[in-house]
PDB file of all heavy atoms in Angstrom:
ATOM      1  N   SER A   1      21.422 -10.402  10.299  1.00  0.00           N
ATOM      2  CA  SER A   1      21.726  -9.105   9.598  1.00  0.00           C
ATOM      3  C   SER A   1      20.889  -8.004  10.294  1.00  0.00           C
ATOM      4  O   SER A   1      19.852  -8.272  10.939  1.00  0.00           O
ATOM      5  CB  SER A   1      21.509  -9.276   8.113  1.00  0.00           C
ATOM      6  OG  SER A   1      20.063  -9.448   7.851  1.00  0.00           O
ATOM      7  N   ILE A   2      21.280  -6.787  10.014  1.00  0.00           N
ATOM      8  CA  ILE A   2      20.549  -5.664  10.406  1.00  0.00           C
ATOM      9  C   ILE A   2      20.623  -4.616   9.301  1.00  0.00           C
ATOM     10  O   ILE A   2      21.683  -4.405   8.764  1.00  0.00           O
ATOM     11  CB  ILE A   2      21.101  -5.021  11.864  1.00  0.00           C
ATOM     12  CG1 ILE A   2      20.287  -3.786  12.262  1.00  0.00           C
ATOM     13  CG2 ILE A   2      22.528  -4.776  11.723  1.00  0.00           C
ATOM     14  CD1 ILE A   2      20.434  -3.550  13.606  1.00  0.00           C
ATOM     15  N   ASN A   3      19.502  -4.062   8.873  1.00  0.00           N
ATOM     16  CA  ASN A   3      19.537  -3.227   7.748  1.00  0.00           C
ATOM     17  C   ASN A   3      19.602  -1.701   8.169  1.00  0.00           C
ATOM     18  O   ASN A   3      19.629  -1.369   9.329  1.00  0.00           O
ATOM     19  CB  ASN A   3      18.278  -3.518   6.786  1.00  0.00           C
ATOM     20  CG  ASN A   3      17.015  -2.894   7.323  1.00  0.00           C
ATOM     21  OD1 ASN A   3      16.930  -2.386   8.347  1.00  0.00           O
ATOM     22  ND2 ASN A   3      15.963  -3.188   6.606  1.00  0.00           N
ATOM     23  N   VAL A   4      19.692  -0.848   7.156  1.00  0.00           N
ATOM     24  CA  VAL A   4      19.831   0.543   7.421  1.00  0.00           C
ATOM     25  C   VAL A   4      18.645   1.101   8.296  1.00  0.00           C
ATOM     26  O   VAL A   4      18.889   2.111   9.054  1.00  0.00           O
ATOM     27  CB  VAL A   4      19.971   1.372   6.091  1.00  0.00           C
ATOM     28  CG1 VAL A   4      18.639   1.293   5.391  1.00  0.00           C
ATOM     29  CG2 VAL A   4      20.425   2.665   6.405  1.00  0.00           C
ATOM     30  N   ASN A   5      17.537   0.494   8.339  1.00  0.00           N
ATOM     31  CA  ASN A   5      16.406   0.957   9.075  1.00  0.00           C
ATOM     32  C   ASN A   5      16.387   0.231  10.493  1.00  0.00           C
ATOM     33  O   ASN A   5      15.524   0.570  11.256  1.00  0.00           O
ATOM     34  CB  ASN A   5      15.105   0.714   8.379  1.00  0.00           C
ATOM     35  CG  ASN A   5      15.096   1.519   7.093  1.00  0.00           C
ATOM     36  OD1 ASN A   5      15.354   2.727   7.069  1.00  0.00           O
ATOM     37  ND2 ASN A   5      14.642   0.846   6.062  1.00  0.00           N
ATOM     38  N   GLY A   6      17.377  -0.529  10.681  1.00  0.00           N
ATOM     39  CA  GLY A   6      17.342  -1.346  12.011  1.00  0.00           C
ATOM     40  C   GLY A   6      16.645  -2.618  12.105  1.00  0.00           C
ATOM     41  O   GLY A   6      16.559  -3.158  13.131  1.00  0.00           O
ATOM     42  N   ARG A   7      16.013  -3.040  10.974  1.00  0.00           N
ATOM     43  CA  ARG A   7      15.412  -4.265  10.935  1.00  0.00           C
ATOM     44  C   ARG A   7      16.386  -5.384  11.062  1.00  0.00           C
ATOM     45  O   ARG A   7      17.284  -5.453  10.332  1.00  0.00           O
ATOM     46  CB  ARG A   7      14.554  -4.370   9.619  1.00  0.00           C
ATOM     47  CG  ARG A   7      13.835  -5.767   9.417  1.00  0.00           C
ATOM     48  CD  ARG A   7      13.096  -5.872   8.268  1.00  0.00           C
ATOM     49  NE  ARG A   7      12.692  -7.233   7.893  1.00  0.00           N
ATOM     50  CZ  ARG A   7      12.014  -7.667   6.917  1.00  0.00           C
ATOM     51  NH1 ARG A   7      11.731  -6.800   5.940  1.00  0.00           N
ATOM     52  NH2 ARG A   7      11.746  -8.884   6.732  1.00  0.00           N
ATOM     53  N   THR A   8      16.056  -6.375  11.849  1.00  0.00           N
ATOM     54  CA  THR A   8      16.890  -7.490  11.997  1.00  0.00           C
ATOM     55  C   THR A   8      16.369  -8.779  11.383  1.00  0.00           C
ATOM     56  O   THR A   8      15.153  -9.010  11.324  1.00  0.00           O
ATOM     57  CB  THR A   8      17.165  -7.673  13.513  1.00  0.00           C
ATOM     58  OG1 THR A   8      16.016  -7.912  14.187  1.00  0.00           O
ATOM     59  CG2 THR A   8      17.863  -6.533  14.177  1.00  0.00           C
ATOM     60  N   ASP A   9      17.341  -9.702  11.143  1.00  0.00           N
ATOM     61  CA  ASP A   9      16.913 -10.995  10.501  1.00  0.00           C
ATOM     62  C   ASP A   9      17.739 -11.962  11.098  1.00  0.00           C
ATOM     63  O   ASP A   9      19.007 -11.695  11.253  1.00  0.00           O
ATOM     64  CB  ASP A   9      16.920 -10.899   9.073  1.00  0.00           C
ATOM     65  CG  ASP A   9      16.260 -12.156   8.346  1.00  0.00           C
ATOM     66  OD1 ASP A   9      15.503 -12.755   9.068  1.00  0.00           O
ATOM     67  OD2 ASP A   9      16.466 -12.348   7.201  1.00  0.00           O
ATOM     68  N   TYR A  10      17.300 -13.134  11.351  1.00  0.00           N
ATOM     69  CA  TYR A  10      18.116 -14.295  11.960  1.00  0.00           C
ATOM     70  C   TYR A  10      17.939 -15.512  11.334  1.00  0.00           C
ATOM     71  O   TYR A  10      16.755 -15.821  10.984  1.00  0.00           O
ATOM     72  CB  TYR A  10      17.810 -14.393  13.416  1.00  0.00           C
ATOM     73  CG  TYR A  10      18.024 -13.140  14.325  1.00  0.00           C
ATOM     74  CD1 TYR A  10      17.142 -12.186  14.558  1.00  0.00           C
ATOM     75  CD2 TYR A  10      19.391 -12.921  14.838  1.00  0.00           C
ATOM     76  CE1 TYR A  10      17.376 -11.115  15.319  1.00  0.00           C
ATOM     77  CE2 TYR A  10      19.640 -11.825  15.602  1.00  0.00           C
ATOM     78  CZ  TYR A  10      18.678 -10.880  15.873  1.00  0.00           C
ATOM     79  OH  TYR A  10      18.986  -9.845  16.583  1.00  0.00           O
ATOM     80  N   ALA A  11      18.867 -16.409  11.324  1.00  0.00           N
ATOM     81  CA  ALA A  11      18.721 -17.810  10.959  1.00  0.00           C
ATOM     82  C   ALA A  11      17.963 -18.570  12.053  1.00  0.00           C
ATOM     83  O   ALA A  11      17.992 -18.117  13.195  1.00  0.00           O
ATOM     84  CB  ALA A  11      20.106 -18.440  10.765  1.00  0.00           C
ATOM     85  N   ASP A  12      17.129 -19.498  11.612  1.00  0.00           N
ATOM     86  CA  ASP A  12      16.310 -20.139  12.528  1.00  0.00           C
ATOM     87  C   ASP A  12      17.104 -20.752  13.677  1.00  0.00           C
ATOM     88  O   ASP A  12      16.648 -20.858  14.881  1.00  0.00           O
ATOM     89  CB  ASP A  12      15.465 -21.292  11.895  1.00  0.00           C
ATOM     90  CG  ASP A  12      14.291 -20.688  11.029  1.00  0.00           C
ATOM     91  OD1 ASP A  12      13.920 -19.538  11.306  1.00  0.00           O
ATOM     92  OD2 ASP A  12      13.814 -21.398  10.145  1.00  0.00           O
ATOM     93  N   SER A  13      18.201 -21.249  13.417  1.00  0.00           N
ATOM     94  CA  SER A  13      19.109 -21.911  14.376  1.00  0.00           C
ATOM     95  C   SER A  13      19.608 -20.999  15.522  1.00  0.00           C
ATOM     96  O   SER A  13      20.102 -21.551  16.499  1.00  0.00           O
ATOM     97  CB  SER A  13      20.348 -22.551  13.623  1.00  0.00           C
ATOM     98  OG  SER A  13      21.060 -21.576  12.979  1.00  0.00           O
ATOM     99  N   VAL A  14      19.519 -19.711  15.312  1.00  0.00           N
ATOM    100  CA  VAL A  14      20.096 -18.823  16.322  1.00  0.00           C
ATOM    101  C   VAL A  14      19.052 -17.840  17.024  1.00  0.00           C
ATOM    102  O   VAL A  14      19.263 -17.108  17.883  1.00  0.00           O
ATOM    103  CB  VAL A  14      21.291 -18.073  15.807  1.00  0.00           C
ATOM    104  CG1 VAL A  14      22.396 -18.866  15.222  1.00  0.00           C
ATOM    105  CG2 VAL A  14      20.745 -16.917  14.739  1.00  0.00           C
ATOM    106  N   LYS A  15      17.727 -17.946  16.356  1.00  0.00           N
ATOM    107  CA  LYS A  15      16.640 -17.127  16.998  1.00  0.00           C
ATOM    108  C   LYS A  15      16.520 -17.382  18.392  1.00  0.00           C
ATOM    109  O   LYS A  15      16.518 -18.428  18.820  1.00  0.00           O
ATOM    110  CB  LYS A  15      15.440 -17.387  16.228  1.00  0.00           C
ATOM    111  CG  LYS A  15      15.423 -16.692  14.973  1.00  0.00           C
ATOM    112  CD  LYS A  15      14.079 -16.988  14.101  1.00  0.00           C
ATOM    113  CE  LYS A  15      13.965 -16.389  12.793  1.00  0.00           C
ATOM    114  NZ  LYS A  15      12.774 -16.678  12.062  1.00  0.00           N
ATOM    115  N   GLY A  16      16.384 -16.235  19.120  1.00  0.00           N
ATOM    116  CA  GLY A  16      16.185 -16.393  20.610  1.00  0.00           C
ATOM    117  C   GLY A  16      17.483 -16.500  21.374  1.00  0.00           C
ATOM    118  O   GLY A  16      17.470 -16.307  22.692  1.00  0.00           O
ATOM    119  N   ARG A  17      18.571 -16.758  20.673  1.00  0.00           N
ATOM    120  CA  ARG A  17      19.923 -16.901  21.442  1.00  0.00           C
ATOM    121  C   ARG A  17      20.904 -15.808  21.015  1.00  0.00           C
ATOM    122  O   ARG A  17      21.580 -15.395  21.824  1.00  0.00           O
ATOM    123  CB  ARG A  17      20.533 -18.235  21.060  1.00  0.00           C
ATOM    124  CG  ARG A  17      19.659 -19.387  21.483  1.00  0.00           C
ATOM    125  CD  ARG A  17      20.370 -20.744  21.355  1.00  0.00           C
ATOM    126  NE  ARG A  17      20.816 -21.038  19.963  1.00  0.00           N
ATOM    127  CZ  ARG A  17      22.044 -21.170  19.605  1.00  0.00           C
ATOM    128  NH1 ARG A  17      23.128 -21.072  20.434  1.00  0.00           N
ATOM    129  NH2 ARG A  17      22.315 -21.445  18.295  1.00  0.00           N
ATOM    130  N   PHE A  18      20.897 -15.381  19.698  1.00  0.00           N
ATOM    131  CA  PHE A  18      21.734 -14.443  19.265  1.00  0.00           C
ATOM    132  C   PHE A  18      21.053 -13.029  19.059  1.00  0.00           C
ATOM    133  O   PHE A  18      19.786 -13.050  18.718  1.00  0.00           O
ATOM    134  CB  PHE A  18      22.298 -14.822  17.904  1.00  0.00           C
ATOM    135  CG  PHE A  18      23.391 -15.926  17.976  1.00  0.00           C
ATOM    136  CD1 PHE A  18      23.516 -16.701  19.123  1.00  0.00           C
ATOM    137  CD2 PHE A  18      24.120 -16.263  16.833  1.00  0.00           C
ATOM    138  CE1 PHE A  18      24.354 -17.739  19.015  1.00  0.00           C
ATOM    139  CE2 PHE A  18      25.073 -17.255  16.802  1.00  0.00           C
ATOM    140  CZ  PHE A  18      25.180 -18.041  18.006  1.00  0.00           C
ATOM    141  N   SER A  19      21.710 -11.975  19.265  1.00  0.00           N
ATOM    142  CA  SER A  19      21.198 -10.676  19.049  1.00  0.00           C
ATOM    143  C   SER A  19      22.179  -9.763  18.264  1.00  0.00           C
ATOM    144  O   SER A  19      23.336  -9.656  18.711  1.00  0.00           O
ATOM    145  CB  SER A  19      20.840 -10.013  20.325  1.00  0.00           C
ATOM    146  OG  SER A  19      20.217  -8.782  20.165  1.00  0.00           O
ATOM    147  N   ILE A  20      21.709  -9.190  17.189  1.00  0.00           N
ATOM    148  CA  ILE A  20      22.545  -8.351  16.411  1.00  0.00           C
ATOM    149  C   ILE A  20      22.168  -6.857  16.657  1.00  0.00           C
ATOM    150  O   ILE A  20      20.988  -6.462  16.771  1.00  0.00           O
ATOM    151  CB  ILE A  20      22.505  -8.615  14.925  1.00  0.00           C
ATOM    152  CG1 ILE A  20      23.508  -7.903  14.043  1.00  0.00           C
ATOM    153  CG2 ILE A  20      21.052  -8.347  14.322  1.00  0.00           C
ATOM    154  CD1 ILE A  20      23.673  -8.300  12.609  1.00  0.00           C
ATOM    155  N   SER A  21      23.129  -6.019  16.727  1.00  0.00           N
ATOM    156  CA  SER A  21      22.975  -4.527  16.866  1.00  0.00           C
ATOM    157  C   SER A  21      24.016  -3.770  16.166  1.00  0.00           C
ATOM    158  O   SER A  21      25.081  -4.345  15.712  1.00  0.00           O
ATOM    159  CB  SER A  21      22.869  -4.243  18.342  1.00  0.00           C
ATOM    160  OG  SER A  21      24.165  -4.530  19.052  1.00  0.00           O
ATOM    161  N   ARG A  22      23.783  -2.420  16.145  1.00  0.00           N
ATOM    162  CA  ARG A  22      24.825  -1.665  15.463  1.00  0.00           C
ATOM    163  C   ARG A  22      24.966  -0.271  16.231  1.00  0.00           C
ATOM    164  O   ARG A  22      24.006   0.233  16.755  1.00  0.00           O
ATOM    165  CB  ARG A  22      24.424  -1.285  14.009  1.00  0.00           C
ATOM    166  CG  ARG A  22      23.011  -0.755  13.875  1.00  0.00           C
ATOM    167  CD  ARG A  22      22.493  -0.772  12.540  1.00  0.00           C
ATOM    168  NE  ARG A  22      23.130   0.120  11.541  1.00  0.00           N
ATOM    169  CZ  ARG A  22      22.983   0.269  10.297  1.00  0.00           C
ATOM    170  NH1 ARG A  22      22.391  -0.802   9.644  1.00  0.00           N
ATOM    171  NH2 ARG A  22      23.595   1.118   9.585  1.00  0.00           N
ATOM    172  N   ASP A  23      26.156   0.143  16.159  1.00  0.00           N
ATOM    173  CA  ASP A  23      26.525   1.489  16.677  1.00  0.00           C
ATOM    174  C   ASP A  23      26.847   2.320  15.531  1.00  0.00           C
ATOM    175  O   ASP A  23      27.984   2.276  15.044  1.00  0.00           O
ATOM    176  CB  ASP A  23      27.624   1.340  17.769  1.00  0.00           C
ATOM    177  CG  ASP A  23      27.864   2.790  18.346  1.00  0.00           C
ATOM    178  OD1 ASP A  23      27.671   3.958  17.809  1.00  0.00           O
ATOM    179  OD2 ASP A  23      28.313   2.813  19.529  1.00  0.00           O
ATOM    180  N   ASN A  24      26.042   3.252  14.976  1.00  0.00           N
ATOM    181  CA  ASN A  24      26.218   3.933  13.801  1.00  0.00           C
ATOM    182  C   ASN A  24      27.407   4.913  13.987  1.00  0.00           C
ATOM    183  O   ASN A  24      28.144   5.199  13.033  1.00  0.00           O
ATOM    184  CB  ASN A  24      24.973   4.707  13.437  1.00  0.00           C
ATOM    185  CG  ASN A  24      23.914   3.747  13.083  1.00  0.00           C
ATOM    186  OD1 ASN A  24      24.026   2.669  12.606  1.00  0.00           O
ATOM    187  ND2 ASN A  24      22.522   4.241  13.371  1.00  0.00           N
ATOM    188  N   ALA A  25      27.526   5.475  15.103  1.00  0.00           N
ATOM    189  CA  ALA A  25      28.627   6.423  15.355  1.00  0.00           C
ATOM    190  C   ALA A  25      30.019   5.806  15.288  1.00  0.00           C
ATOM    191  O   ALA A  25      31.048   6.480  14.903  1.00  0.00           O
ATOM    192  CB  ALA A  25      28.438   7.129  16.676  1.00  0.00           C
ATOM    193  N   LYS A  26      30.113   4.487  15.573  1.00  0.00           N
ATOM    194  CA  LYS A  26      31.257   3.833  15.536  1.00  0.00           C
ATOM    195  C   LYS A  26      31.486   2.924  14.295  1.00  0.00           C
ATOM    196  O   LYS A  26      32.456   2.219  14.186  1.00  0.00           O
ATOM    197  CB  LYS A  26      31.421   2.936  16.703  1.00  0.00           C
ATOM    198  CG  LYS A  26      31.439   3.694  18.052  1.00  0.00           C
ATOM    199  CD  LYS A  26      31.704   2.827  19.347  1.00  0.00           C
ATOM    200  CE  LYS A  26      31.792   3.537  20.624  1.00  0.00           C
ATOM    201  NZ  LYS A  26      31.915   2.736  21.748  1.00  0.00           N
ATOM    202  N   ASN A  27      30.426   3.029  13.431  1.00  0.00           N
ATOM    203  CA  ASN A  27      30.455   2.163  12.325  1.00  0.00           C
ATOM    204  C   ASN A  27      30.743   0.734  12.624  1.00  0.00           C
ATOM    205  O   ASN A  27      31.593  -0.012  11.929  1.00  0.00           O
ATOM    206  CB  ASN A  27      31.487   2.594  11.179  1.00  0.00           C
ATOM    207  CG  ASN A  27      31.187   3.963  10.540  1.00  0.00           C
ATOM    208  OD1 ASN A  27      30.023   4.275  10.421  1.00  0.00           O
ATOM    209  ND2 ASN A  27      32.179   4.818  10.370  1.00  0.00           N
ATOM    210  N   THR A  28      30.121   0.332  13.648  1.00  0.00           N
ATOM    211  CA  THR A  28      30.461  -1.041  14.137  1.00  0.00           C
ATOM    212  C   THR A  28      29.095  -1.836  14.343  1.00  0.00           C
ATOM    213  O   THR A  28      28.038  -1.355  14.755  1.00  0.00           O
ATOM    214  CB  THR A  28      31.056  -1.057  15.569  1.00  0.00           C
ATOM    215  OG1 THR A  28      32.365  -0.229  15.418  1.00  0.00           O
ATOM    216  CG2 THR A  28      31.295  -2.407  16.059  1.00  0.00           C
TER     217      THR A  28
END
């Protein structure tokens, strides 16, 4: 997950392999 302040959180099983990001202008 990624919160409104850009803080990210990951399940242990995906840490270091997955990366979450957001494009606010595209609501994506």
